[in-house]
Amino acid sequence: SHGSADPGFNEQEIRFRNLERRAMKLLQ
């Protein structure tokens, strides 16, 4: 639960989730 205190990680997770969604859509 330590992640909410790390803006650097939070930003990268948001970027990853956006990439994940778009990549799977492109593969489809």
PDB file of all heavy atoms in Angstrom:
ATOM      1  N   SER A   1       0.822  -1.196   0.000  1.00  0.00           N
ATOM      2  CA  SER A   1       0.000   0.000   0.000  1.00  0.00           C
ATOM      3  C   SER A   1       0.854   1.243   0.000  1.00  0.00           C
ATOM      4  O   SER A   1       0.361   2.360  -0.017  1.00  0.00           O
ATOM      5  CB  SER A   1      -0.911   0.010   1.237  1.00  0.00           C
ATOM      6  OG  SER A   1      -0.124  -0.022   2.414  1.00  0.00           O
ATOM      7  N   HIS A   2       2.205   1.032   0.056  1.00  0.00           N
ATOM      8  CA  HIS A   2       3.170   2.121   0.125  1.00  0.00           C
ATOM      9  C   HIS A   2       3.135   2.967  -1.139  1.00  0.00           C
ATOM     10  O   HIS A   2       3.646   4.078  -1.161  1.00  0.00           O
ATOM     11  CB  HIS A   2       4.553   1.502   0.316  1.00  0.00           C
ATOM     12  CG  HIS A   2       5.626   2.476   0.699  1.00  0.00           C
ATOM     13  ND1 HIS A   2       5.648   3.133   1.897  1.00  0.00           N
ATOM     14  CD2 HIS A   2       6.724   2.883   0.026  1.00  0.00           C
ATOM     15  CE1 HIS A   2       6.725   3.902   1.957  1.00  0.00           C
ATOM     16  NE2 HIS A   2       7.391   3.771   0.834  1.00  0.00           N
ATOM     17  N   GLY A   3       2.520   2.449  -2.221  1.00  0.00           N
ATOM     18  CA  GLY A   3       2.607   3.090  -3.526  1.00  0.00           C
ATOM     19  C   GLY A   3       1.988   4.464  -3.595  1.00  0.00           C
ATOM     20  O   GLY A   3       2.413   5.310  -4.375  1.00  0.00           O
ATOM     21  N   SER A   4       0.944   4.742  -2.800  1.00  0.00           N
ATOM     22  CA  SER A   4       0.284   6.034  -2.886  1.00  0.00           C
ATOM     23  C   SER A   4       1.199   7.174  -2.488  1.00  0.00           C
ATOM     24  O   SER A   4       0.952   8.330  -2.808  1.00  0.00           O
ATOM     25  CB  SER A   4      -0.978   6.038  -2.015  1.00  0.00           C
ATOM     26  OG  SER A   4      -0.618   5.783  -0.660  1.00  0.00           O
ATOM     27  N   ALA A   5       2.297   6.861  -1.776  1.00  0.00           N
ATOM     28  CA  ALA A   5       3.233   7.888  -1.329  1.00  0.00           C
ATOM     29  C   ALA A   5       4.337   8.125  -2.344  1.00  0.00           C
ATOM     30  O   ALA A   5       5.263   8.875  -2.066  1.00  0.00           O
ATOM     31  CB  ALA A   5       3.838   7.486   0.010  1.00  0.00           C
ATOM     32  N   ASP A   6       4.279   7.481  -3.500  1.00  0.00           N
ATOM     33  CA  ASP A   6       5.339   7.581  -4.506  1.00  0.00           C
ATOM     34  C   ASP A   6       4.770   8.117  -5.817  1.00  0.00           C
ATOM     35  O   ASP A   6       4.328   7.337  -6.662  1.00  0.00           O
ATOM     36  CB  ASP A   6       5.979   6.207  -4.720  1.00  0.00           C
ATOM     37  CG  ASP A   6       7.247   6.303  -5.559  1.00  0.00           C
ATOM     38  OD1 ASP A   6       7.417   7.307  -6.275  1.00  0.00           O
ATOM     39  OD2 ASP A   6       8.067   5.374  -5.499  1.00  0.00           O
ATOM     40  N   PRO A   7       4.765   9.430  -6.004  1.00  0.00           N
ATOM     41  CA  PRO A   7       4.213  10.000  -7.249  1.00  0.00           C
ATOM     42  C   PRO A   7       4.928   9.491  -8.491  1.00  0.00           C
ATOM     43  O   PRO A   7       4.317   9.364  -9.554  1.00  0.00           O
ATOM     44  CB  PRO A   7       4.428  11.510  -7.065  1.00  0.00           C
ATOM     45  CG  PRO A   7       4.548  11.704  -5.579  1.00  0.00           C
ATOM     46  CD  PRO A   7       5.220  10.465  -5.072  1.00  0.00           C
ATOM     47  N   GLY A   8       6.246   9.210  -8.360  1.00  0.00           N
ATOM     48  CA  GLY A   8       6.993   8.717  -9.514  1.00  0.00           C
ATOM     49  C   GLY A   8       6.441   7.399 -10.018  1.00  0.00           C
ATOM     50  O   GLY A   8       6.250   7.212 -11.220  1.00  0.00           O
ATOM     51  N   PHE A   9       6.160   6.492  -9.094  1.00  0.00           N
ATOM     52  CA  PHE A   9       5.579   5.217  -9.501  1.00  0.00           C
ATOM     53  C   PHE A   9       4.146   5.394  -9.998  1.00  0.00           C
ATOM     54  O   PHE A   9       3.745   4.778 -10.991  1.00  0.00           O
ATOM     55  CB  PHE A   9       5.581   4.208  -8.345  1.00  0.00           C
ATOM     56  CG  PHE A   9       4.777   2.979  -8.662  1.00  0.00           C
ATOM     57  CD1 PHE A   9       5.279   2.001  -9.496  1.00  0.00           C
ATOM     58  CD2 PHE A   9       3.480   2.842  -8.178  1.00  0.00           C
ATOM     59  CE1 PHE A   9       4.523   0.874  -9.820  1.00  0.00           C
ATOM     60  CE2 PHE A   9       2.721   1.721  -8.494  1.00  0.00           C
ATOM     61  CZ  PHE A   9       3.246   0.737  -9.316  1.00  0.00           C
ATOM     62  N   ASN A  10       3.363   6.206  -9.306  1.00  0.00           N
ATOM     63  CA  ASN A  10       1.960   6.402  -9.701  1.00  0.00           C
ATOM     64  C   ASN A  10       1.857   6.891 -11.139  1.00  0.00           C
ATOM     65  O   ASN A  10       0.998   6.456 -11.910  1.00  0.00           O
ATOM     66  CB  ASN A  10       1.284   7.392  -8.756  1.00  0.00           C
ATOM     67  CG  ASN A  10       1.128   6.845  -7.345  1.00  0.00           C
ATOM     68  OD1 ASN A  10       1.226   5.644  -7.136  1.00  0.00           O
ATOM     69  ND2 ASN A  10       0.915   7.721  -6.398  1.00  0.00           N
ATOM     70  N   GLU A  11       2.748   7.796 -11.505  1.00  0.00           N
ATOM     71  CA  GLU A  11       2.756   8.312 -12.881  1.00  0.00           C
ATOM     72  C   GLU A  11       3.065   7.197 -13.877  1.00  0.00           C
ATOM     73  O   GLU A  11       2.416   7.076 -14.926  1.00  0.00           O
ATOM     74  CB  GLU A  11       3.793   9.430 -13.014  1.00  0.00           C
ATOM     75  CG  GLU A  11       3.913   9.976 -14.443  1.00  0.00           C
ATOM     76  CD  GLU A  11       5.042  10.972 -14.590  1.00  0.00           C
ATOM     77  OE1 GLU A  11       5.696  11.286 -13.583  1.00  0.00           O
ATOM     78  OE2 GLU A  11       5.272  11.419 -15.732  1.00  0.00           O
ATOM     79  N   GLN A  12       4.071   6.366 -13.543  1.00  0.00           N
ATOM     80  CA  GLN A  12       4.445   5.290 -14.454  1.00  0.00           C
ATOM     81  C   GLN A  12       3.351   4.228 -14.557  1.00  0.00           C
ATOM     82  O   GLN A  12       3.144   3.654 -15.624  1.00  0.00           O
ATOM     83  CB  GLN A  12       5.762   4.659 -13.998  1.00  0.00           C
ATOM     84  CG  GLN A  12       6.951   5.589 -14.069  1.00  0.00           C
ATOM     85  CD  GLN A  12       7.133   6.213 -15.441  1.00  0.00           C
ATOM     86  OE1 GLN A  12       6.880   5.590 -16.470  1.00  0.00           O
ATOM     87  NE2 GLN A  12       7.570   7.468 -15.465  1.00  0.00           N
ATOM     88  N   GLU A  13       2.656   3.977 -13.465  1.00  0.00           N
ATOM     89  CA  GLU A  13       1.569   2.998 -13.527  1.00  0.00           C
ATOM     90  C   GLU A  13       0.449   3.489 -14.432  1.00  0.00           C
ATOM     91  O   GLU A  13      -0.119   2.720 -15.216  1.00  0.00           O
ATOM     92  CB  GLU A  13       1.016   2.691 -12.137  1.00  0.00           C
ATOM     93  CG  GLU A  13      -0.073   1.618 -12.186  1.00  0.00           C
ATOM     94  CD  GLU A  13      -0.663   1.272 -10.841  1.00  0.00           C
ATOM     95  OE1 GLU A  13      -0.464   2.055  -9.893  1.00  0.00           O
ATOM     96  OE2 GLU A  13      -1.335   0.226 -10.742  1.00  0.00           O
ATOM     97  N   ILE A  14       0.125   4.787 -14.345  1.00  0.00           N
ATOM     98  CA  ILE A  14      -0.912   5.347 -15.219  1.00  0.00           C
ATOM     99  C   ILE A  14      -0.487   5.210 -16.678  1.00  0.00           C
ATOM    100  O   ILE A  14      -1.277   4.820 -17.549  1.00  0.00           O
ATOM    101  CB  ILE A  14      -1.171   6.822 -14.863  1.00  0.00           C
ATOM    102  CG1 ILE A  14      -1.856   6.921 -13.494  1.00  0.00           C
ATOM    103  CG2 ILE A  14      -2.033   7.493 -15.935  1.00  0.00           C
ATOM    104  CD1 ILE A  14      -1.970   8.342 -12.971  1.00  0.00           C
ATOM    105  N   ARG A  15       0.760   5.508 -16.958  1.00  0.00           N
ATOM    106  CA  ARG A  15       1.270   5.383 -18.326  1.00  0.00           C
ATOM    107  C   ARG A  15       1.208   3.932 -18.797  1.00  0.00           C
ATOM    108  O   ARG A  15       0.852   3.660 -19.948  1.00  0.00           O
ATOM    109  CB  ARG A  15       2.712   5.896 -18.406  1.00  0.00           C
ATOM    110  CG  ARG A  15       2.887   7.374 -18.124  1.00  0.00           C
ATOM    111  CD  ARG A  15       4.342   7.780 -18.301  1.00  0.00           C
ATOM    112  NE  ARG A  15       4.737   7.676 -19.696  1.00  0.00           N
ATOM    113  CZ  ARG A  15       6.010   7.544 -20.100  1.00  0.00           C
ATOM    114  NH1 ARG A  15       6.980   7.442 -19.214  1.00  0.00           N
ATOM    115  NH2 ARG A  15       6.288   7.460 -21.392  1.00  0.00           N
ATOM    116  N   PHE A  16       1.566   3.015 -17.906  1.00  0.00           N
ATOM    117  CA  PHE A  16       1.525   1.598 -18.272  1.00  0.00           C
ATOM    118  C   PHE A  16       0.104   1.150 -18.561  1.00  0.00           C
ATOM    119  O   PHE A  16      -0.140   0.422 -19.538  1.00  0.00           O
ATOM    120  CB  PHE A  16       2.111   0.737 -17.150  1.00  0.00           C
ATOM    121  CG  PHE A  16       1.906  -0.739 -17.379  1.00  0.00           C
ATOM    122  CD1 PHE A  16       2.649  -1.423 -18.331  1.00  0.00           C
ATOM    123  CD2 PHE A  16       0.932  -1.438 -16.674  1.00  0.00           C
ATOM    124  CE1 PHE A  16       2.440  -2.775 -18.565  1.00  0.00           C
ATOM    125  CE2 PHE A  16       0.719  -2.789 -16.896  1.00  0.00           C
ATOM    126  CZ  PHE A  16       1.478  -3.467 -17.847  1.00  0.00           C
ATOM    127  N   ARG A  17      -0.854   1.547 -17.744  1.00  0.00           N
ATOM    128  CA  ARG A  17      -2.240   1.122 -17.955  1.00  0.00           C
ATOM    129  C   ARG A  17      -2.775   1.675 -19.272  1.00  0.00           C
ATOM    130  O   ARG A  17      -3.535   0.995 -19.982  1.00  0.00           O
ATOM    131  CB  ARG A  17      -3.120   1.569 -16.784  1.00  0.00           C
ATOM    132  CG  ARG A  17      -2.778   0.897 -15.454  1.00  0.00           C
ATOM    133  CD  ARG A  17      -2.801  -0.617 -15.566  1.00  0.00           C
ATOM    134  NE  ARG A  17      -2.440  -1.259 -14.299  1.00  0.00           N
ATOM    135  CZ  ARG A  17      -2.168  -2.540 -14.173  1.00  0.00           C
ATOM    136  NH1 ARG A  17      -2.192  -3.347 -15.224  1.00  0.00           N
ATOM    137  NH2 ARG A  17      -1.848  -3.043 -12.983  1.00  0.00           N
ATOM    138  N   ASN A  18      -2.404   2.893 -19.612  1.00  0.00           N
ATOM    139  CA  ASN A  18      -2.815   3.454 -20.908  1.00  0.00           C
ATOM    140  C   ASN A  18      -2.198   2.660 -22.054  1.00  0.00           C
ATOM    141  O   ASN A  18      -2.873   2.350 -23.049  1.00  0.00           O
ATOM    142  CB  ASN A  18      -2.400   4.922 -21.009  1.00  0.00           C
ATOM    143  CG  ASN A  18      -3.236   5.830 -20.127  1.00  0.00           C
ATOM    144  OD1 ASN A  18      -4.385   5.519 -19.807  1.00  0.00           O
ATOM    145  ND2 ASN A  18      -2.680   6.956 -19.720  1.00  0.00           N
ATOM    146  N   LEU A  19      -0.916   2.335 -21.926  1.00  0.00           N
ATOM    147  CA  LEU A  19      -0.245   1.532 -22.952  1.00  0.00           C
ATOM    148  C   LEU A  19      -0.892   0.163 -23.063  1.00  0.00           C
ATOM    149  O   LEU A  19      -1.153  -0.321 -24.176  1.00  0.00           O
ATOM    150  CB  LEU A  19       1.230   1.372 -22.590  1.00  0.00           C
ATOM    151  CG  LEU A  19       2.010   0.380 -23.462  1.00  0.00           C
ATOM    152  CD1 LEU A  19       2.300   0.994 -24.821  1.00  0.00           C
ATOM    153  CD2 LEU A  19       3.312  -0.038 -22.777  1.00  0.00           C
ATOM    154  N   GLU A  20      -1.165  -0.466 -21.940  1.00  0.00           N
ATOM    155  CA  GLU A  20      -1.755  -1.803 -21.921  1.00  0.00           C
ATOM    156  C   GLU A  20      -3.085  -1.811 -22.665  1.00  0.00           C
ATOM    157  O   GLU A  20      -3.342  -2.692 -23.497  1.00  0.00           O
ATOM    158  CB  GLU A  20      -1.955  -2.225 -20.465  1.00  0.00           C
ATOM    159  CG  GLU A  20      -2.495  -3.626 -20.277  1.00  0.00           C
ATOM    160  CD  GLU A  20      -2.679  -3.946 -18.808  1.00  0.00           C
ATOM    161  OE1 GLU A  20      -3.150  -3.060 -18.047  1.00  0.00           O
ATOM    162  OE2 GLU A  20      -2.359  -5.083 -18.408  1.00  0.00           O
ATOM    163  N   ARG A  21      -3.929  -0.833 -22.384  1.00  0.00           N
ATOM    164  CA  ARG A  21      -5.249  -0.769 -23.019  1.00  0.00           C
ATOM    165  C   ARG A  21      -5.116  -0.563 -24.533  1.00  0.00           C
ATOM    166  O   ARG A  21      -5.780  -1.245 -25.326  1.00  0.00           O
ATOM    167  CB  ARG A  21      -6.051   0.376 -22.400  1.00  0.00           C
ATOM    168  CG  ARG A  21      -7.479   0.485 -22.935  1.00  0.00           C
ATOM    169  CD  ARG A  21      -8.243   1.610 -22.282  1.00  0.00           C
ATOM    170  NE  ARG A  21      -7.681   2.922 -22.580  1.00  0.00           N
ATOM    171  CZ  ARG A  21      -6.953   3.640 -21.741  1.00  0.00           C
ATOM    172  NH1 ARG A  21      -6.676   3.186 -20.528  1.00  0.00           N
ATOM    173  NH2 ARG A  21      -6.482   4.819 -22.090  1.00  0.00           N
ATOM    174  N   ARG A  22      -4.251   0.338 -24.938  1.00  0.00           N
ATOM    175  CA  ARG A  22      -4.116   0.634 -26.370  1.00  0.00           C
ATOM    176  C   ARG A  22      -3.437  -0.506 -27.121  1.00  0.00           C
ATOM    177  O   ARG A  22      -3.802  -0.798 -28.270  1.00  0.00           O
ATOM    178  CB  ARG A  22      -3.320   1.931 -26.537  1.00  0.00           C
ATOM    179  CG  ARG A  22      -4.057   3.160 -26.032  1.00  0.00           C
ATOM    180  CD  ARG A  22      -3.166   4.376 -26.009  1.00  0.00           C
ATOM    181  NE  ARG A  22      -3.870   5.552 -25.496  1.00  0.00           N
ATOM    182  CZ  ARG A  22      -3.291   6.717 -25.217  1.00  0.00           C
ATOM    183  NH1 ARG A  22      -1.988   6.852 -25.398  1.00  0.00           N
ATOM    184  NH2 ARG A  22      -3.999   7.728 -24.752  1.00  0.00           N
ATOM    185  N   ALA A  23      -2.465  -1.135 -26.491  1.00  0.00           N
ATOM    186  CA  ALA A  23      -1.760  -2.238 -27.144  1.00  0.00           C
ATOM    187  C   ALA A  23      -2.694  -3.420 -27.383  1.00  0.00           C
ATOM    188  O   ALA A  23      -2.684  -4.025 -28.465  1.00  0.00           O
ATOM    189  CB  ALA A  23      -0.562  -2.665 -26.304  1.00  0.00           C
ATOM    190  N   MET A  24      -3.500  -3.755 -26.386  1.00  0.00           N
ATOM    191  CA  MET A  24      -4.422  -4.878 -26.547  1.00  0.00           C
ATOM    192  C   MET A  24      -5.497  -4.561 -27.587  1.00  0.00           C
ATOM    193  O   MET A  24      -5.931  -5.448 -28.329  1.00  0.00           O
ATOM    194  CB  MET A  24      -5.063  -5.234 -25.211  1.00  0.00           C
ATOM    195  CG  MET A  24      -4.065  -5.708 -24.154  1.00  0.00           C
ATOM    196  SD  MET A  24      -2.951  -7.021 -24.732  1.00  0.00           S
ATOM    197  CE  MET A  24      -4.140  -8.340 -25.043  1.00  0.00           C
ATOM    198  N   LYS A  25      -5.910  -3.307 -27.650  1.00  0.00           N
ATOM    199  CA  LYS A  25      -6.880  -2.907 -28.673  1.00  0.00           C
ATOM    200  C   LYS A  25      -6.267  -3.028 -30.067  1.00  0.00           C
ATOM    201  O   LYS A  25      -6.912  -3.519 -31.011  1.00  0.00           O
ATOM    202  CB  LYS A  25      -7.325  -1.465 -28.420  1.00  0.00           C
ATOM    203  CG  LYS A  25      -8.288  -0.904 -29.454  1.00  0.00           C
ATOM    204  CD  LYS A  25      -9.611  -1.647 -29.467  1.00  0.00           C
ATOM    205  CE  LYS A  25     -10.608  -0.988 -30.413  1.00  0.00           C
ATOM    206  NZ  LYS A  25     -11.859  -1.771 -30.530  1.00  0.00           N
ATOM    207  N   LEU A  26      -5.007  -2.594 -30.206  1.00  0.00           N
ATOM    208  CA  LEU A  26      -4.330  -2.693 -31.497  1.00  0.00           C
ATOM    209  C   LEU A  26      -4.147  -4.147 -31.906  1.00  0.00           C
ATOM    210  O   LEU A  26      -4.351  -4.504 -33.077  1.00  0.00           O
ATOM    211  CB  LEU A  26      -2.976  -1.987 -31.431  1.00  0.00           C
ATOM    212  CG  LEU A  26      -2.150  -1.984 -32.717  1.00  0.00           C
ATOM    213  CD1 LEU A  26      -2.921  -1.338 -33.866  1.00  0.00           C
ATOM    214  CD2 LEU A  26      -0.816  -1.259 -32.491  1.00  0.00           C
ATOM    215  N   LEU A  27      -3.784  -5.007 -30.960  1.00  0.00           N
ATOM    216  CA  LEU A  27      -3.639  -6.432 -31.267  1.00  0.00           C
ATOM    217  C   LEU A  27      -4.964  -7.017 -31.726  1.00  0.00           C
ATOM    218  O   LEU A  27      -5.014  -7.811 -32.680  1.00  0.00           O
ATOM    219  CB  LEU A  27      -3.133  -7.182 -30.033  1.00  0.00           C
ATOM    220  CG  LEU A  27      -2.939  -8.694 -30.194  1.00  0.00           C
ATOM    221  CD1 LEU A  27      -1.915  -9.004 -31.284  1.00  0.00           C
ATOM    222  CD2 LEU A  27      -2.518  -9.325 -28.867  1.00  0.00           C
ATOM    223  N   GLN A  28      -6.031  -6.628 -31.066  1.00  0.00           N
ATOM    224  CA  GLN A  28      -7.362  -7.102 -31.459  1.00  0.00           C
ATOM    225  C   GLN A  28      -7.700  -6.661 -32.878  1.00  0.00           C
ATOM    226  O   GLN A  28      -8.255  -7.435 -33.669  1.00  0.00           O
ATOM    227  CB  GLN A  28      -8.403  -6.569 -30.476  1.00  0.00           C
ATOM    228  CG  GLN A  28      -9.832  -6.993 -30.787  1.00  0.00           C
ATOM    229  CD  GLN A  28     -10.840  -6.379 -29.821  1.00  0.00           C
ATOM    230  OE1 GLN A  28     -10.482  -5.624 -28.915  1.00  0.00           O
ATOM    231  NE2 GLN A  28     -12.103  -6.691 -30.018  1.00  0.00           N
TER     232      GLN A  28
END
